């Protein structure tokens, strides 16, 4: 077969798939724009109608009578449309991003600028599938900032519904950026803000299944075995460089637990995991590793390396004191790990080899 013809066929298939995605995205946006307007109307009718609590049933019945083949007008879905509008409306009309921009860049706020900002925010919401929005509405209720956070993360990371639900179940919004750090003192703005955004307190390691009396090696092995899920927990922009990365500190050989590169910050991130509560010497050790990476790995165009220390709990006062004494940008967080296999069951669990042998013996 002519190689040029084969390449042409491949390109046509790729373009067709791109067209399908674009068409689906446009259909979704138009549907959500319709839901937004219908939600607004339902809210107004709910406030003025004589039907009271039965207004959703009335609207649903009448719409289904007019459009019998359409399944979107159940009372439940109409309530979601109403909540969709009420959840985001105040956020959209206030346009907080516009306020921040005006403070930083002296943008003159005119009706036209406000309208354009509101349009941009709505278009972002309309790019998210309706099923995702229903999850967000269920979890965020009357907290539009929380809802916008998860909507933005969904767009930023292209989350599936399952991944979105998983992060909402781990209270990502409440944990984001809460680690104790000295980033504001050690990093220039806006790098300090970005660095703070990538920290959580606590980190959630519930995707691991290890026994109750786990040691440091077992925890790190489990994290490595689940590196994809671990990267999701760390957040967007992390690229894994290596584990037990060897560096020389003077004449001594040292090994970094995990080394990452953050694409947003354009810097290396040294991550150390401890299975014990925080001790002040841990910050000193991490600071040494950060300096070593700056000298040995950091390129001319890379930003300053930062360190993240994740411990099995911490005294926040002790952690703050340790950070104030450090000249390196470091964040300190705890971690949670609740899905453990009880120690007494560990020995009773069959190994892969035992399962295979049992199957072979039965054949």
Protein backbone atom coordinates (compact mmCIF):
# COMPACT_ATOMS: atom_id res chain seq x y z
CA UNK A 1 0.00 0.00 0.00
CA UNK A 2 1.21 3.51 -0.84
CA UNK A 3 2.66 4.98 2.37
CA UNK A 4 1.30 8.44 1.51
CA UNK A 5 -2.20 7.02 1.09
CA UNK A 6 -1.93 5.18 4.41
CA UNK A 7 -0.82 8.36 6.18
CA UNK A 8 -3.72 10.23 4.57
CA UNK A 9 -6.22 7.64 5.86
CA UNK A 10 -4.71 7.92 9.34
CA UNK A 11 -4.95 11.72 9.27
CA UNK A 12 -8.59 11.57 8.11
CA UNK A 13 -9.45 9.26 11.02
CA UNK A 14 -7.72 11.59 13.48
CA UNK A 15 -9.51 14.64 12.06
CA UNK A 16 -12.84 12.83 12.26
CA UNK A 17 -12.31 12.01 15.92
CA UNK A 18 -11.33 15.63 16.62
CA UNK A 19 -14.49 16.79 14.85
CA UNK A 20 -16.55 14.38 16.95
CA UNK A 21 -15.06 15.74 20.17
CA UNK A 22 -15.57 19.33 19.04
CA UNK A 23 -19.20 18.63 18.10
CA UNK A 24 -19.87 16.87 21.41
CA UNK A 25 -18.32 19.78 23.31
CA UNK A 26 -20.49 22.28 21.44
CA UNK A 27 -23.63 20.21 22.06
CA UNK A 28 -22.79 19.99 25.77
CA UNK A 29 -22.21 23.76 25.97
CA UNK A 30 -25.54 24.52 24.27
CA UNK A 31 -27.37 22.10 26.55
CA UNK A 32 -25.83 23.64 29.68
CA UNK A 33 -26.62 27.15 28.44
CA UNK A 34 -30.24 26.00 28.07
CA UNK A 35 -30.17 24.42 31.55
CA UNK A 36 -28.77 27.66 33.01
CA UNK A 37 -31.60 29.75 31.55
CA UNK A 38 -34.22 27.15 32.49
CA UNK A 39 -32.80 26.99 36.03
CA UNK A 40 -33.17 30.78 36.25
CA UNK A 41 -36.80 30.56 35.11
CA UNK A 42 -37.57 27.70 37.51
CA UNK A 43 -36.11 29.72 40.40
CA UNK A 44 -38.31 32.72 39.56
CA UNK A 45 -41.41 30.52 39.22
CA UNK A 46 -40.62 28.82 42.53
CA UNK A 47 -40.58 32.22 44.23
CA UNK A 48 -43.77 33.55 42.63
CA UNK A 49 -45.90 30.54 41.73
CA UNK A 50 -49.03 29.58 43.65
CA UNK A 51 -48.08 25.91 43.33
CA UNK A 52 -45.57 26.13 46.20
CA UNK A 53 -43.60 22.94 46.74
CA UNK A 54 -45.39 21.27 43.82
CA UNK A 55 -44.08 23.71 41.22
CA UNK A 56 -41.34 21.34 39.99
CA UNK A 57 -43.85 18.52 39.50
CA UNK A 58 -46.13 20.93 37.62
CA UNK A 59 -43.37 22.19 35.31
CA UNK A 60 -42.11 18.63 34.73
CA UNK A 61 -45.57 17.33 33.83
CA UNK A 62 -46.34 20.19 31.45
CA UNK A 63 -42.95 20.07 29.70
CA UNK A 64 -43.14 16.30 29.25
CA UNK A 65 -46.60 16.77 27.77
CA UNK A 66 -45.18 19.21 25.23
CA UNK A 67 -41.99 17.18 24.64
CA UNK A 68 -42.88 13.52 25.36
CA UNK A 69 -39.67 12.13 23.83
CA UNK A 70 -37.35 14.27 25.98
CA UNK A 71 -36.14 12.71 29.24
CA UNK A 72 -34.44 15.80 30.70
CA UNK A 73 -37.43 17.36 32.45
CA UNK A 74 -37.94 15.13 35.47
CA UNK A 75 -38.56 16.97 38.79
CA UNK A 76 -35.13 15.82 39.96
CA UNK A 77 -33.30 17.19 36.93
CA UNK A 78 -35.27 20.44 37.09
CA UNK A 79 -34.15 20.83 40.70
CA UNK A 80 -30.53 20.30 39.57
CA UNK A 81 -30.99 23.04 36.94
CA UNK A 82 -32.35 25.41 39.56
CA UNK A 83 -29.47 24.60 41.91
CA UNK A 84 -26.99 24.91 39.03
CA UNK A 85 -28.10 28.49 38.51
CA UNK A 86 -28.33 29.46 42.20
CA UNK A 87 -24.97 27.86 43.11
CA UNK A 88 -22.93 29.77 40.54
CA UNK A 89 -24.95 32.95 40.02
CA UNK A 90 -23.48 35.07 42.82
CA UNK A 91 -19.95 33.99 41.91
CA UNK A 92 -20.47 34.84 38.26
CA UNK A 93 -21.97 38.29 38.82
CA UNK A 94 -19.29 39.22 41.36
CA UNK A 95 -16.49 38.05 39.03
CA UNK A 96 -13.74 37.89 41.71
CA UNK A 97 -11.06 37.25 39.09
CA UNK A 98 -11.90 40.64 37.59
CA UNK A 99 -11.42 42.35 40.94
CA UNK A 100 -8.02 40.70 41.43
CA UNK A 101 -7.00 41.68 37.91
CA UNK A 102 -8.07 45.29 38.43
CA UNK A 103 -5.97 45.54 41.59
CA UNK A 104 -2.87 44.12 39.91
CA UNK A 105 -3.09 45.76 36.51
CA UNK A 106 -5.27 48.85 37.09
CA UNK A 107 -7.95 47.61 34.69
CA UNK A 108 -10.86 50.01 34.43
CA UNK A 109 -14.06 48.22 35.38
CA UNK A 110 -16.74 49.13 32.87
CA UNK A 111 -20.09 47.41 32.22
CA UNK A 112 -18.62 45.98 29.03
CA UNK A 113 -15.58 44.54 30.88
CA UNK A 114 -17.81 43.06 33.59
CA UNK A 115 -20.11 41.48 30.99
CA UNK A 116 -17.16 40.00 29.14
CA UNK A 117 -15.71 38.56 32.36
CA UNK A 118 -19.06 36.99 33.27
CA UNK A 119 -19.34 35.50 29.79
CA UNK A 120 -15.88 33.93 30.10
CA UNK A 121 -16.74 32.39 33.46
CA UNK A 122 -20.00 30.96 32.14
CA UNK A 123 -18.32 29.51 29.05
CA UNK A 124 -15.91 27.64 31.32
CA UNK A 125 -18.80 26.16 33.29
CA UNK A 126 -20.56 25.14 30.10
CA UNK A 127 -17.55 23.07 28.99
CA UNK A 128 -18.02 20.64 31.89
CA UNK A 129 -20.37 17.64 31.37
CA UNK A 130 -23.72 17.79 33.15
CA UNK A 131 -22.99 14.60 35.08
CA UNK A 132 -19.92 16.26 36.62
CA UNK A 133 -22.00 19.30 37.57
CA UNK A 134 -24.55 17.11 39.34
CA UNK A 135 -21.76 15.63 41.48
CA UNK A 136 -20.43 19.11 42.26
CA UNK A 137 -23.91 20.41 43.13
CA UNK A 138 -24.47 17.46 45.50
CA UNK A 139 -21.15 17.95 47.29
CA UNK A 140 -20.85 21.74 47.36
CA UNK A 141 -24.42 22.82 48.17
CA UNK A 142 -24.27 26.54 49.12
CA UNK A 143 -20.51 26.95 48.71
CA UNK A 144 -19.87 28.49 45.26
CA UNK A 145 -16.13 28.96 45.90
CA UNK A 146 -15.81 25.24 46.55
CA UNK A 147 -17.91 24.43 43.49
CA UNK A 148 -15.84 26.72 41.27
CA UNK A 149 -12.65 25.15 42.65
CA UNK A 150 -13.73 21.64 41.60
CA UNK A 151 -15.09 22.88 38.27
CA UNK A 152 -11.76 24.59 37.53
CA UNK A 153 -9.77 21.51 38.55
CA UNK A 154 -11.96 19.33 36.34
CA UNK A 155 -11.19 21.51 33.32
CA UNK A 156 -7.53 21.91 34.20
CA UNK A 157 -6.89 18.19 34.65
CA UNK A 158 -9.57 16.69 32.38
CA UNK A 159 -10.95 14.67 35.30
CA UNK A 160 -13.44 11.87 34.71
CA UNK A 161 -16.47 11.71 36.99
CA UNK A 162 -14.84 8.95 39.02
CA UNK A 163 -11.66 10.98 39.60
CA UNK A 164 -13.68 14.11 40.46
CA UNK A 165 -15.79 12.18 42.97
CA UNK A 166 -12.68 10.63 44.51
CA UNK A 167 -11.08 14.02 45.13
CA UNK A 168 -14.28 15.49 46.54
CA UNK A 169 -14.51 12.51 48.91
CA UNK A 170 -10.98 13.25 50.15
CA UNK A 171 -11.90 16.92 50.88
CA UNK A 172 -9.30 18.23 48.44
CA UNK A 173 -10.72 21.78 48.59
CA UNK A 174 -10.32 21.95 52.37
CA UNK A 175 -6.80 20.49 52.26
CA UNK A 176 -5.39 22.43 49.33
CA UNK A 177 -2.58 24.84 50.20
CA UNK A 178 -2.84 24.29 53.96
CA UNK A 179 0.60 22.86 54.66
CA UNK A 180 2.84 24.93 56.91
CA UNK A 181 5.58 26.50 54.80
CA UNK A 182 8.08 29.34 54.59
CA UNK A 183 7.45 29.89 50.88
CA UNK A 184 6.39 33.54 51.26
CA UNK A 185 9.69 34.36 52.96
CA UNK A 186 11.95 32.24 50.76
CA UNK A 187 10.38 32.53 47.30
CA UNK A 188 9.51 35.57 45.16
CA UNK A 189 5.86 36.27 44.37
CA UNK A 190 4.00 34.80 42.56
CA UNK A 191 6.17 31.68 42.91
CA UNK A 192 5.44 31.59 46.65
CA UNK A 193 1.68 31.52 46.00
CA UNK A 194 2.02 28.82 43.37
CA UNK A 195 4.22 26.74 45.67
CA UNK A 196 1.68 27.04 48.47
CA UNK A 197 -1.08 25.91 46.11
CA UNK A 198 0.66 22.58 45.46
CA UNK A 199 0.82 21.69 49.17
CA UNK A 200 -1.93 19.97 51.13
CA UNK A 201 -2.49 19.19 54.78
CA UNK A 202 -2.97 16.37 55.22
CA UNK A 203 -2.03 14.39 52.13
CA UNK A 204 -4.40 11.46 51.69
CA UNK A 205 -2.81 8.06 51.05
CA UNK A 206 -6.04 6.05 51.32
CA UNK A 207 -5.42 4.56 47.88
CA UNK A 208 -2.78 2.36 49.56
CA UNK A 209 -3.49 -0.97 51.24
CA UNK A 210 -0.75 -1.86 53.69
CA UNK A 211 -0.79 -3.50 57.09
CA UNK A 212 -1.14 -1.57 60.34
CA UNK A 213 2.45 -1.87 61.51
CA UNK A 214 3.98 -0.63 58.31
CA UNK A 215 7.55 0.66 58.17
CA UNK A 216 9.06 3.43 56.07
CA UNK A 217 10.23 1.14 53.28
CA UNK A 218 6.80 -0.50 52.94
CA UNK A 219 5.10 2.89 52.75
CA UNK A 220 7.47 4.14 50.06
CA UNK A 221 7.18 0.86 48.14
CA UNK A 222 3.39 1.20 48.26
CA UNK A 223 3.56 4.79 47.03
CA UNK A 224 5.80 3.73 44.16
CA UNK A 225 3.45 0.88 43.25
CA UNK A 226 0.65 3.46 43.08
CA UNK A 227 2.68 6.27 41.54
CA UNK A 228 -0.11 7.34 39.16
CA UNK A 229 -2.58 7.79 42.02
CA UNK A 230 0.14 9.41 44.12
CA UNK A 231 0.79 11.96 41.36
CA UNK A 232 -2.93 12.74 41.28
CA UNK A 233 -2.86 13.37 45.02
CA UNK A 234 0.16 15.64 44.66
CA UNK A 235 -1.70 17.71 42.09
CA UNK A 236 -1.45 18.99 38.56
CA UNK A 237 1.95 19.70 37.00
CA UNK A 238 4.09 17.09 38.77
CA UNK A 239 6.39 14.91 36.67
CA UNK A 240 8.09 11.99 38.40
CA UNK A 241 11.90 12.05 38.12
CA UNK A 242 12.92 9.15 40.34
CA UNK A 243 12.94 7.41 43.68
CA UNK A 244 15.99 6.98 45.93
CA UNK A 245 17.79 9.52 43.76
CA UNK A 246 21.50 9.47 44.61
CA UNK A 247 23.28 12.72 45.40
CA UNK A 248 26.64 13.41 46.98
CA UNK A 249 26.88 15.74 49.97
CA UNK A 250 30.59 16.23 50.44
CA UNK A 251 32.01 12.73 50.64
CA UNK A 252 28.72 11.21 51.80
CA UNK A 253 26.26 9.42 49.57
CA UNK A 254 22.64 10.45 50.17
CA UNK A 255 19.37 9.24 48.67
CA UNK A 256 16.31 11.45 48.10
CA UNK A 257 13.03 9.62 48.76
CA UNK A 258 11.30 10.98 45.68
CA UNK A 259 12.26 13.67 43.21
CA UNK A 260 9.74 15.46 41.00
CA UNK A 261 9.75 18.31 38.54
CA UNK A 262 6.86 20.76 38.65
CA UNK A 263 6.00 22.08 35.21
CA UNK A 264 4.06 25.08 36.53
CA UNK A 265 6.79 26.25 38.87
CA UNK A 266 9.61 25.16 36.54
CA UNK A 267 11.55 23.69 39.44
CA UNK A 268 12.59 20.44 41.08
CA UNK A 269 10.56 19.31 44.09
CA UNK A 270 12.25 17.14 46.71
CA UNK A 271 9.73 15.03 48.64
CA UNK A 272 10.61 13.18 51.83
CA UNK A 273 8.14 10.82 53.54
CA UNK A 274 8.40 9.89 57.23
CA UNK A 275 6.27 7.28 59.00
CA UNK A 276 6.80 9.05 62.34
CA UNK A 277 5.54 12.44 63.61
CA UNK A 278 7.55 15.50 62.61
CA UNK A 279 10.96 16.07 64.20
CA UNK A 280 12.86 19.34 63.71
CA UNK A 281 15.91 17.54 62.32
CA UNK A 282 13.77 16.34 59.38
CA UNK A 283 13.60 19.94 58.12
CA UNK A 284 17.38 20.23 58.29
CA UNK A 285 17.82 17.02 56.33
CA UNK A 286 15.32 18.14 53.68
CA UNK A 287 16.99 21.56 53.44
CA UNK A 288 20.32 19.87 52.78
CA UNK A 289 18.78 17.84 49.95
CA UNK A 290 17.20 20.98 48.44
CA UNK A 291 20.59 22.75 48.41
CA UNK A 292 22.27 19.68 46.89
CA UNK A 293 19.71 19.52 44.07
CA UNK A 294 20.22 23.24 43.40
CA UNK A 295 23.97 22.67 43.04
CA UNK A 296 23.91 19.37 41.16
CA UNK A 297 20.70 19.15 39.11
CA UNK A 298 19.11 22.57 38.76
CA UNK A 299 19.62 24.19 35.36
CA UNK A 300 20.13 27.86 34.60
CA UNK A 301 16.50 28.33 33.57
CA UNK A 302 15.06 26.35 36.48
CA UNK A 303 13.55 28.13 39.47
CA UNK A 304 14.79 27.42 42.99
CA UNK A 305 14.18 23.88 44.21
CA UNK A 306 11.54 23.47 46.90
CA UNK A 307 11.13 20.72 49.48
CA UNK A 308 7.99 19.02 50.80
CA UNK A 309 8.10 16.94 53.97
CA UNK A 310 5.18 14.58 54.61
CA UNK A 311 5.02 13.11 58.13
CA UNK A 312 2.65 10.95 60.15
CA UNK A 313 1.36 13.99 61.98
CA UNK A 314 3.08 17.12 63.26
CA UNK A 315 3.13 19.72 66.02
CA UNK A 316 2.44 22.89 64.03
CA UNK A 317 4.33 25.16 66.44
CA UNK A 318 7.44 22.98 66.27
CA UNK A 319 7.10 22.81 62.47
CA UNK A 320 6.79 26.59 62.23
CA UNK A 321 9.89 27.12 64.38
CA UNK A 322 11.85 24.69 62.21
CA UNK A 323 10.76 26.52 59.06
CA UNK A 324 11.75 29.91 60.44
CA UNK A 325 15.26 28.57 61.04
CA UNK A 326 15.58 27.25 57.49
CA UNK A 327 16.90 29.33 54.60
CA UNK A 328 15.41 26.92 52.02
CA UNK A 329 11.79 26.95 50.75
CA UNK A 330 10.14 24.03 52.54
CA UNK A 331 6.56 22.93 53.21
CA UNK A 332 5.57 20.48 55.96
CA UNK A 333 2.38 18.43 55.95
CA UNK A 334 0.86 15.40 57.63
CA UNK A 335 -0.71 12.46 55.86
CA UNK A 336 -3.68 10.20 56.50
CA UNK A 337 -3.78 6.50 55.76
CA UNK A 338 -6.87 4.76 57.06
CA UNK A 339 -7.35 1.82 54.71
CA UNK A 340 -4.98 -0.58 56.40
CA UNK A 341 -4.86 -4.36 56.41
CA UNK A 342 -4.75 -5.49 60.08
CA UNK A 343 -1.37 -7.00 60.97
CA UNK A 344 -2.96 -10.26 62.13
CA UNK A 345 -4.43 -10.80 58.65
CA UNK A 346 -1.24 -10.11 56.75
CA UNK A 347 0.18 -13.61 57.15
CA UNK A 348 -3.18 -15.20 56.30
CA UNK A 349 -3.46 -13.47 52.92
CA UNK A 350 -2.36 -15.82 50.11
CA UNK A 351 0.48 -14.74 47.88
CA UNK A 352 0.18 -14.59 44.08
CA UNK A 353 2.29 -17.76 43.88
CA UNK A 354 -0.02 -19.60 46.29
CA UNK A 355 -3.10 -18.57 44.29
CA UNK A 356 -1.48 -19.70 41.03
CA UNK A 357 -0.41 -23.02 42.55
CA UNK A 358 -3.93 -23.60 43.86
CA UNK A 359 -5.41 -22.99 40.41
CA UNK A 360 -2.84 -25.25 38.75
CA UNK A 361 -3.55 -28.09 41.21
CA UNK A 362 -7.27 -27.92 40.44
CA UNK A 363 -6.73 -28.23 36.68
